[in-house]
Amino acid sequence: MLIINELDVYYNHIHALHQVSLNVGESEAVAVLGANGAGKSTLIKSVMGWVKPQGGSIVLDGEEIHALPPWERVQRGIALAPEGARLFGDLSVEANLRLGGYLQSEEILRAQRETVFELFPVLAERRNQLAKTLSGGEQQMLSIARALMSRPRLLLIDEVSMGLMPILVKRVFNVIDRLRRQGVSILLVEQNAYESLKVVDRAYVLENGRIVLEGTPAELREDPRVRAAYLGG
């Protein structure tokens, strides 16, 4: 579904991504693991259209999209749950969800709202509550739910576990696992390798803007570099 080929991204004179190549298949969940500053968020922003690459290509369903603006990428089936949730804090849970599905008909909006409420029952309970009054875990759930309102074929998730208590991290990753089982293609960028490797089909390791490793979760768990850097062993 998604092919990223030799992507180069610069911030002024800083070379943030160095010829990064990866792919995500239909109904596949793929993680990009790395420490702070590795280039993970830059990669996600490039796929979403928030950052313009200086080289390489981004291909969705066989068509290059790296010149398209973000809203056209949403129309083609990409949605983003960004780092830090980035909710409309002074709007209700319900209003945030409606904004996530602004391209959809009223009928589809109603159906998607019921789908996300089934995934996140706590959001149904808080549907009239202001987003800024939710807990950190609830805000991350709302961020994912808002992205799902556009009925994406490819869901991008940026640092979903950042700042969350361990019990909330497990809850959010359980939802990601459910989405994968339902056939949603997912590109997840995360520092939390331990939880990420439980819910994905494949993973890449990004260091200093370069892909240095790739493989299945089982292969990466056994790699001494991954164990030392990310798994504490």
C-alpha atoms as a PDB file:
ATOM      1  CA  MET A   1       0.000   0.000   0.000  1.00  0.00           C
ATOM      2  CA  LEU A   2       2.671   2.497   1.053  1.00  0.00           C
ATOM      3  CA  ILE A   3       6.188   2.551  -0.373  1.00  0.00           C
ATOM      4  CA  ILE A   4       8.736   5.086   0.849  1.00  0.00           C
ATOM      5  CA  ASN A   5      11.867   5.050  -1.278  1.00  0.00           C
ATOM      6  CA  GLU A   6      15.175   6.765  -0.449  1.00  0.00           C
ATOM      7  CA  LEU A   7      13.521   9.697   1.331  1.00  0.00           C
ATOM      8  CA  ASP A   8      15.749  12.675   2.140  1.00  0.00           C
ATOM      9  CA  VAL A   9      14.502  15.482   4.403  1.00  0.00           C
ATOM     10  CA  TYR A  10      16.394  18.584   5.504  1.00  0.00           C
ATOM     11  CA  TYR A  11      15.628  21.291   8.044  1.00  0.00           C
ATOM     12  CA  ASN A  12      17.744  24.111   6.661  1.00  0.00           C
ATOM     13  CA  HIS A  13      21.244  22.556   6.797  1.00  0.00           C
ATOM     14  CA  ILE A  14      20.282  19.674   9.104  1.00  0.00           C
ATOM     15  CA  HIS A  15      19.897  16.367   7.264  1.00  0.00           C
ATOM     16  CA  ALA A  16      16.997  14.798   9.232  1.00  0.00           C
ATOM     17  CA  LEU A  17      16.273  11.712   7.080  1.00  0.00           C
ATOM     18  CA  HIS A  18      18.944   9.954   5.004  1.00  0.00           C
ATOM     19  CA  GLN A  19      17.553   7.927   2.081  1.00  0.00           C
ATOM     20  CA  VAL A  20      14.957   6.200   4.252  1.00  0.00           C
ATOM     21  CA  SER A  21      13.141   3.304   2.557  1.00  0.00           C
ATOM     22  CA  LEU A  22      10.299   1.239   4.018  1.00  0.00           C
ATOM     23  CA  ASN A  23       6.899  -0.148   3.089  1.00  0.00           C
ATOM     24  CA  VAL A  24       3.525  -1.003   4.626  1.00  0.00           C
ATOM     25  CA  GLY A  25       1.333  -3.668   3.063  1.00  0.00           C
ATOM     26  CA  GLU A  26      -2.436  -4.033   2.995  1.00  0.00           C
ATOM     27  CA  SER A  27      -3.816  -4.860   6.468  1.00  0.00           C
ATOM     28  CA  GLU A  28      -0.295  -4.758   7.902  1.00  0.00           C
ATOM     29  CA  ALA A  29       0.965  -3.001  11.023  1.00  0.00           C
ATOM     30  CA  VAL A  30       4.535  -1.715  10.839  1.00  0.00           C
ATOM     31  CA  ALA A  31       6.515   0.031  13.579  1.00  0.00           C
ATOM     32  CA  VAL A  32       9.399   2.457  13.260  1.00  0.00           C
ATOM     33  CA  LEU A  33      11.376   2.371  16.503  1.00  0.00           C
ATOM     34  CA  GLY A  34      13.914   4.909  17.621  1.00  0.00           C
ATOM     35  CA  ALA A  35      15.043   7.277  20.339  1.00  0.00           C
ATOM     36  CA  ASN A  36      14.178  10.965  20.606  1.00  0.00           C
ATOM     37  CA  GLY A  37      15.641  12.858  17.665  1.00  0.00           C
ATOM     38  CA  ALA A  38      16.005   9.786  15.462  1.00  0.00           C
ATOM     39  CA  GLY A  39      13.705  11.269  12.795  1.00  0.00           C
ATOM     40  CA  LYS A  40      10.523   9.306  13.511  1.00  0.00           C
ATOM     41  CA  SER A  41       8.166  12.289  13.641  1.00  0.00           C
ATOM     42  CA  THR A  42       9.820  13.796  10.564  1.00  0.00           C
ATOM     43  CA  LEU A  43       9.027  10.571   8.721  1.00  0.00           C
ATOM     44  CA  ILE A  44       5.361  10.697   9.759  1.00  0.00           C
ATOM     45  CA  LYS A  45       5.079  14.392   8.876  1.00  0.00           C
ATOM     46  CA  SER A  46       6.548  13.649   5.442  1.00  0.00           C
ATOM     47  CA  VAL A  47       3.966  10.934   4.764  1.00  0.00           C
ATOM     48  CA  MET A  48       1.174  13.234   5.945  1.00  0.00           C
ATOM     49  CA  GLY A  49       2.431  16.175   3.875  1.00  0.00           C
ATOM     50  CA  TRP A  50       3.411  18.491   6.731  1.00  0.00           C
ATOM     51  CA  VAL A  51       7.090  18.322   5.701  1.00  0.00           C
ATOM     52  CA  LYS A  52       8.351  18.455   2.125  1.00  0.00           C
ATOM     53  CA  PRO A  53      11.117  15.947   1.273  1.00  0.00           C
ATOM     54  CA  GLN A  54      14.084  17.100  -0.775  1.00  0.00           C
ATOM     55  CA  GLY A  55      14.603  13.687  -2.355  1.00  0.00           C
ATOM     56  CA  GLY A  56      13.075  10.256  -2.812  1.00  0.00           C
ATOM     57  CA  SER A  57       9.436   9.292  -3.244  1.00  0.00           C
ATOM     58  CA  ILE A  58       6.277   8.417  -1.302  1.00  0.00           C
ATOM     59  CA  VAL A  59       3.939   6.078  -3.183  1.00  0.00           C
ATOM     60  CA  LEU A  60       0.394   5.138  -2.118  1.00  0.00           C
ATOM     61  CA  ASP A  61      -1.403   2.434  -4.103  1.00  0.00           C
ATOM     62  CA  GLY A  62       1.110   2.779  -6.921  1.00  0.00           C
ATOM     63  CA  GLU A  63       0.821   6.574  -7.238  1.00  0.00           C
ATOM     64  CA  GLU A  64       3.339   9.146  -6.020  1.00  0.00           C
ATOM     65  CA  ILE A  65       1.784  11.447  -3.423  1.00  0.00           C
ATOM     66  CA  HIS A  66       4.723  13.432  -2.027  1.00  0.00           C
ATOM     67  CA  ALA A  67       3.609  16.557  -3.953  1.00  0.00           C
ATOM     68  CA  LEU A  68       0.001  16.388  -2.666  1.00  0.00           C
ATOM     69  CA  PRO A  69      -1.213  18.653   0.171  1.00  0.00           C
ATOM     70  CA  PRO A  70      -2.310  16.964   3.427  1.00  0.00           C
ATOM     71  CA  TRP A  71      -6.049  17.236   2.752  1.00  0.00           C
ATOM     72  CA  GLU A  72      -5.722  15.345  -0.525  1.00  0.00           C
ATOM     73  CA  ARG A  73      -3.822  12.604   1.281  1.00  0.00           C
ATOM     74  CA  VAL A  74      -6.727  12.334   3.724  1.00  0.00           C
ATOM     75  CA  GLN A  75      -9.076  11.983   0.755  1.00  0.00           C
ATOM     76  CA  ARG A  76      -6.907   9.103  -0.481  1.00  0.00           C
ATOM     77  CA  GLY A  77      -7.231   7.252   2.819  1.00  0.00           C
ATOM     78  CA  ILE A  78      -4.416   8.439   5.102  1.00  0.00           C
ATOM     79  CA  ALA A  79      -5.131   9.700   8.617  1.00  0.00           C
ATOM     80  CA  LEU A  80      -2.867  10.779  11.471  1.00  0.00           C
ATOM     81  CA  ALA A  81      -3.021  10.524  15.253  1.00  0.00           C
ATOM     82  CA  PRO A  82      -0.261  13.056  15.981  1.00  0.00           C
ATOM     83  CA  GLU A  83       2.235  13.223  18.810  1.00  0.00           C
ATOM     84  CA  GLY A  84       0.707  14.948  21.831  1.00  0.00           C
ATOM     85  CA  ALA A  85      -2.858  14.290  20.565  1.00  0.00           C
ATOM     86  CA  ARG A  86      -3.316  17.925  19.333  1.00  0.00           C
ATOM     87  CA  LEU A  87      -7.009  17.995  20.130  1.00  0.00           C
ATOM     88  CA  PHE A  88      -9.322  20.981  19.966  1.00  0.00           C
ATOM     89  CA  GLY A  89      -9.355  21.356  23.727  1.00  0.00           C
ATOM     90  CA  ASP A  90     -12.241  23.803  24.019  1.00  0.00           C
ATOM     91  CA  LEU A  91     -14.510  21.574  21.925  1.00  0.00           C
ATOM     92  CA  SER A  92     -16.351  18.493  23.109  1.00  0.00           C
ATOM     93  CA  VAL A  93     -15.343  14.909  22.415  1.00  0.00           C
ATOM     94  CA  GLU A  94     -18.248  14.704  19.962  1.00  0.00           C
ATOM     95  CA  ALA A  95     -17.138  17.858  18.113  1.00  0.00           C
ATOM     96  CA  ASN A  96     -13.544  16.592  17.828  1.00  0.00           C
ATOM     97  CA  LEU A  97     -14.843  13.363  16.297  1.00  0.00           C
ATOM     98  CA  ARG A  98     -17.001  15.224  13.785  1.00  0.00           C
ATOM     99  CA  LEU A  99     -14.007  17.309  12.714  1.00  0.00           C
ATOM    100  CA  GLY A 100     -12.047  14.122  12.113  1.00  0.00           C
ATOM    101  CA  GLY A 101     -14.701  12.994   9.635  1.00  0.00           C
ATOM    102  CA  TYR A 102     -15.357  16.329   7.966  1.00  0.00           C
ATOM    103  CA  LEU A 103     -15.033  14.786   4.486  1.00  0.00           C
ATOM    104  CA  GLN A 104     -17.671  12.130   5.186  1.00  0.00           C
ATOM    105  CA  SER A 105     -21.450  12.141   4.783  1.00  0.00           C
ATOM    106  CA  GLU A 106     -23.716  12.369   7.820  1.00  0.00           C
ATOM    107  CA  GLU A 107     -24.606   8.690   7.452  1.00  0.00           C
ATOM    108  CA  ILE A 108     -20.957   7.616   7.469  1.00  0.00           C
ATOM    109  CA  LEU A 109     -20.220   9.956  10.380  1.00  0.00           C
ATOM    110  CA  ARG A 110     -22.913   8.289  12.481  1.00  0.00           C
ATOM    111  CA  ALA A 111     -21.638   4.812  11.603  1.00  0.00           C
ATOM    112  CA  GLN A 112     -18.007   5.705  12.336  1.00  0.00           C
ATOM    113  CA  ARG A 113     -18.945   7.367  15.609  1.00  0.00           C
ATOM    114  CA  GLU A 114     -20.587   4.140  16.769  1.00  0.00           C
ATOM    115  CA  THR A 115     -17.497   2.199  15.662  1.00  0.00           C
ATOM    116  CA  VAL A 116     -15.115   4.379  17.681  1.00  0.00           C
ATOM    117  CA  PHE A 117     -17.446   4.380  20.683  1.00  0.00           C
ATOM    118  CA  GLU A 118     -17.352   0.568  20.582  1.00  0.00           C
ATOM    119  CA  LEU A 119     -13.543   0.711  20.496  1.00  0.00           C
ATOM    120  CA  PHE A 120     -13.358   3.418  23.176  1.00  0.00           C
ATOM    121  CA  PRO A 121     -16.381   3.116  25.516  1.00  0.00           C
ATOM    122  CA  VAL A 122     -14.990   5.851  27.764  1.00  0.00           C
ATOM    123  CA  LEU A 123     -15.365   8.355  24.913  1.00  0.00           C
ATOM    124  CA  ALA A 124     -19.045   7.505  24.600  1.00  0.00           C
ATOM    125  CA  GLU A 125     -19.424   8.253  28.313  1.00  0.00           C
ATOM    126  CA  ARG A 126     -17.614  11.581  27.876  1.00  0.00           C
ATOM    127  CA  ARG A 127     -19.039  12.580  24.502  1.00  0.00           C
ATOM    128  CA  ASN A 128     -20.235  15.988  25.793  1.00  0.00           C
ATOM    129  CA  GLN A 129     -17.108  16.673  27.862  1.00  0.00           C
ATOM    130  CA  LEU A 130     -14.495  19.209  26.719  1.00  0.00           C
ATOM    131  CA  ALA A 131     -11.440  17.485  25.273  1.00  0.00           C
ATOM    132  CA  LYS A 132      -9.032  19.443  27.479  1.00  0.00           C
ATOM    133  CA  THR A 133     -10.635  17.972  30.606  1.00  0.00           C
ATOM    134  CA  LEU A 134      -9.870  14.364  29.611  1.00  0.00           C
ATOM    135  CA  SER A 135      -7.007  12.433  31.161  1.00  0.00           C
ATOM    136  CA  GLY A 136      -3.815  11.921  29.152  1.00  0.00           C
ATOM    137  CA  GLY A 137      -4.820   8.399  28.159  1.00  0.00           C
ATOM    138  CA  GLU A 138      -8.307   9.495  27.183  1.00  0.00           C
ATOM    139  CA  GLN A 139      -6.861  12.281  25.040  1.00  0.00           C
ATOM    140  CA  GLN A 140      -4.674   9.784  23.180  1.00  0.00           C
ATOM    141  CA  MET A 141      -7.705   7.572  22.641  1.00  0.00           C
ATOM    142  CA  LEU A 142      -9.658  10.549  21.296  1.00  0.00           C
ATOM    143  CA  SER A 143      -6.775  11.408  18.956  1.00  0.00           C
ATOM    144  CA  ILE A 144      -6.862   7.897  17.461  1.00  0.00           C
ATOM    145  CA  ALA A 145     -10.676   7.921  17.359  1.00  0.00           C
ATOM    146  CA  ARG A 146     -10.695  11.282  15.566  1.00  0.00           C
ATOM    147  CA  ALA A 147      -8.316   9.893  12.930  1.00  0.00           C
ATOM    148  CA  LEU A 148     -10.548   6.840  12.483  1.00  0.00           C
ATOM    149  CA  MET A 149     -13.551   9.050  11.733  1.00  0.00           C
ATOM    150  CA  SER A 150     -12.230   9.567   8.192  1.00  0.00           C
ATOM    151  CA  ARG A 151     -12.360   5.783   7.625  1.00  0.00           C
ATOM    152  CA  PRO A 152      -8.638   5.586   6.781  1.00  0.00           C
ATOM    153  CA  ARG A 153      -7.036   2.727   4.935  1.00  0.00           C
ATOM    154  CA  LEU A 154      -3.674   3.748   6.384  1.00  0.00           C
ATOM    155  CA  LEU A 155      -3.480   5.053   9.959  1.00  0.00           C
ATOM    156  CA  LEU A 156      -0.339   6.925  11.048  1.00  0.00           C
ATOM    157  CA  ILE A 157       0.289   6.978  14.807  1.00  0.00           C
ATOM    158  CA  ASP A 158       3.015   9.196  16.243  1.00  0.00           C
ATOM    159  CA  GLU A 159       4.411   8.462  19.745  1.00  0.00           C
ATOM    160  CA  VAL A 160       1.112   7.303  21.247  1.00  0.00           C
ATOM    161  CA  SER A 161       2.651   6.201  24.561  1.00  0.00           C
ATOM    162  CA  MET A 162       4.531   9.409  25.362  1.00  0.00           C
ATOM    163  CA  GLY A 163       3.751  10.686  28.845  1.00  0.00           C
ATOM    164  CA  LEU A 164       1.228   7.973  29.687  1.00  0.00           C
ATOM    165  CA  MET A 165       1.104   5.805  32.788  1.00  0.00           C
ATOM    166  CA  PRO A 166       1.972   2.140  32.098  1.00  0.00           C
ATOM    167  CA  ILE A 167      -1.610   0.925  32.564  1.00  0.00           C
ATOM    168  CA  LEU A 168      -2.830   3.469  29.994  1.00  0.00           C
ATOM    169  CA  VAL A 169      -0.022   2.540  27.593  1.00  0.00           C
ATOM    170  CA  LYS A 170      -1.215  -1.078  27.619  1.00  0.00           C
ATOM    171  CA  ARG A 171      -4.806   0.011  27.049  1.00  0.00           C
ATOM    172  CA  VAL A 172      -3.894   2.142  24.019  1.00  0.00           C
ATOM    173  CA  PHE A 173      -1.717  -0.598  22.511  1.00  0.00           C
ATOM    174  CA  ASN A 174      -4.557  -3.089  22.958  1.00  0.00           C
ATOM    175  CA  VAL A 175      -6.676  -0.828  20.756  1.00  0.00           C
ATOM    176  CA  ILE A 176      -3.913  -0.668  18.124  1.00  0.00           C
ATOM    177  CA  ASP A 177      -3.815  -4.468  18.133  1.00  0.00           C
ATOM    178  CA  ARG A 178      -7.595  -4.609  17.629  1.00  0.00           C
ATOM    179  CA  LEU A 179      -7.369  -2.200  14.698  1.00  0.00           C
ATOM    180  CA  ARG A 180      -4.675  -4.334  13.083  1.00  0.00           C
ATOM    181  CA  ARG A 181      -6.833  -7.429  13.475  1.00  0.00           C
ATOM    182  CA  GLN A 182      -9.703  -5.557  11.822  1.00  0.00           C
ATOM    183  CA  GLY A 183      -7.584  -4.951   8.719  1.00  0.00           C
ATOM    184  CA  VAL A 184      -6.511  -1.314   9.167  1.00  0.00           C
ATOM    185  CA  SER A 185      -2.999  -0.723   7.814  1.00  0.00           C
ATOM    186  CA  ILE A 186      -0.919   1.028  10.477  1.00  0.00           C
ATOM    187  CA  LEU A 187       2.402   2.856  10.502  1.00  0.00           C
ATOM    188  CA  LEU A 188       3.374   3.344  14.139  1.00  0.00           C
ATOM    189  CA  VAL A 189       6.389   5.381  15.225  1.00  0.00           C
ATOM    190  CA  GLU A 190       7.379   4.785  18.838  1.00  0.00           C
ATOM    191  CA  GLN A 191      10.122   4.791  21.453  1.00  0.00           C
ATOM    192  CA  ASN A 192       8.344   2.026  23.371  1.00  0.00           C
ATOM    193  CA  ALA A 193       9.770  -0.992  21.561  1.00  0.00           C
ATOM    194  CA  TYR A 194       8.543  -3.467  24.174  1.00  0.00           C
ATOM    195  CA  GLU A 195       4.844  -2.735  23.593  1.00  0.00           C
ATOM    196  CA  SER A 196       5.183  -1.931  19.879  1.00  0.00           C
ATOM    197  CA  LEU A 197       6.696  -5.301  19.024  1.00  0.00           C
ATOM    198  CA  LYS A 198       3.644  -7.022  20.532  1.00  0.00           C
ATOM    199  CA  VAL A 199       1.183  -5.471  18.065  1.00  0.00           C
ATOM    200  CA  VAL A 200       2.985  -5.189  14.709  1.00  0.00           C
ATOM    201  CA  ASP A 201       3.855  -7.549  11.868  1.00  0.00           C
ATOM    202  CA  ARG A 202       7.229  -5.976  11.067  1.00  0.00           C
ATOM    203  CA  ALA A 203       9.434  -3.207  12.408  1.00  0.00           C
ATOM    204  CA  TYR A 204      12.271  -0.918  11.396  1.00  0.00           C
ATOM    205  CA  VAL A 205      14.826   0.768  13.642  1.00  0.00           C
ATOM    206  CA  LEU A 206      15.668   4.394  12.844  1.00  0.00           C
ATOM    207  CA  GLU A 207      18.855   5.953  14.208  1.00  0.00           C
ATOM    208  CA  ASN A 208      20.115   9.433  13.361  1.00  0.00           C
ATOM    209  CA  GLY A 209      17.794   9.608  10.369  1.00  0.00           C
ATOM    210  CA  ARG A 210      18.830   6.241   8.913  1.00  0.00           C
ATOM    211  CA  ILE A 211      17.165   2.826   8.856  1.00  0.00           C
ATOM    212  CA  VAL A 212      19.688   0.542  10.534  1.00  0.00           C
ATOM    213  CA  LEU A 213      17.628  -2.617  11.137  1.00  0.00           C
ATOM    214  CA  GLU A 214      14.412  -4.241   9.958  1.00  0.00           C
ATOM    215  CA  GLY A 215      12.661  -7.519  10.589  1.00  0.00           C
ATOM    216  CA  THR A 216       9.844  -9.320  12.337  1.00  0.00           C
ATOM    217  CA  PRO A 217       9.198  -8.683  16.039  1.00  0.00           C
ATOM    218  CA  ALA A 218      10.786 -12.037  16.896  1.00  0.00           C
ATOM    219  CA  GLU A 219      13.922 -11.211  14.900  1.00  0.00           C
ATOM    220  CA  LEU A 220      14.316  -7.774  16.456  1.00  0.00           C
ATOM    221  CA  ARG A 221      13.732  -9.035  20.002  1.00  0.00           C
ATOM    222  CA  GLU A 222      16.675 -11.391  19.534  1.00  0.00           C
ATOM    223  CA  ASP A 223      18.974  -8.758  18.040  1.00  0.00           C
ATOM    224  CA  PRO A 224      21.521  -7.730  20.698  1.00  0.00           C
ATOM    225  CA  ARG A 225      21.513  -4.103  19.527  1.00  0.00           C
ATOM    226  CA  VAL A 226      17.726  -3.839  19.952  1.00  0.00           C
ATOM    227  CA  ARG A 227      17.845  -5.646  23.300  1.00  0.00           C
ATOM    228  CA  ALA A 228      20.536  -3.329  24.600  1.00  0.00           C
ATOM    229  CA  ALA A 229      19.056  -0.084  23.298  1.00  0.00           C
ATOM    230  CA  TYR A 230      15.310  -0.607  23.666  1.00  0.00           C
ATOM    231  CA  LEU A 231      14.458  -3.731  25.660  1.00  0.00           C
ATOM    232  CA  GLY A 232      16.787  -3.393  28.629  1.00  0.00           C
ATOM    233  CA  GLY A 233      18.724  -6.593  28.136  1.00  0.00           C
END
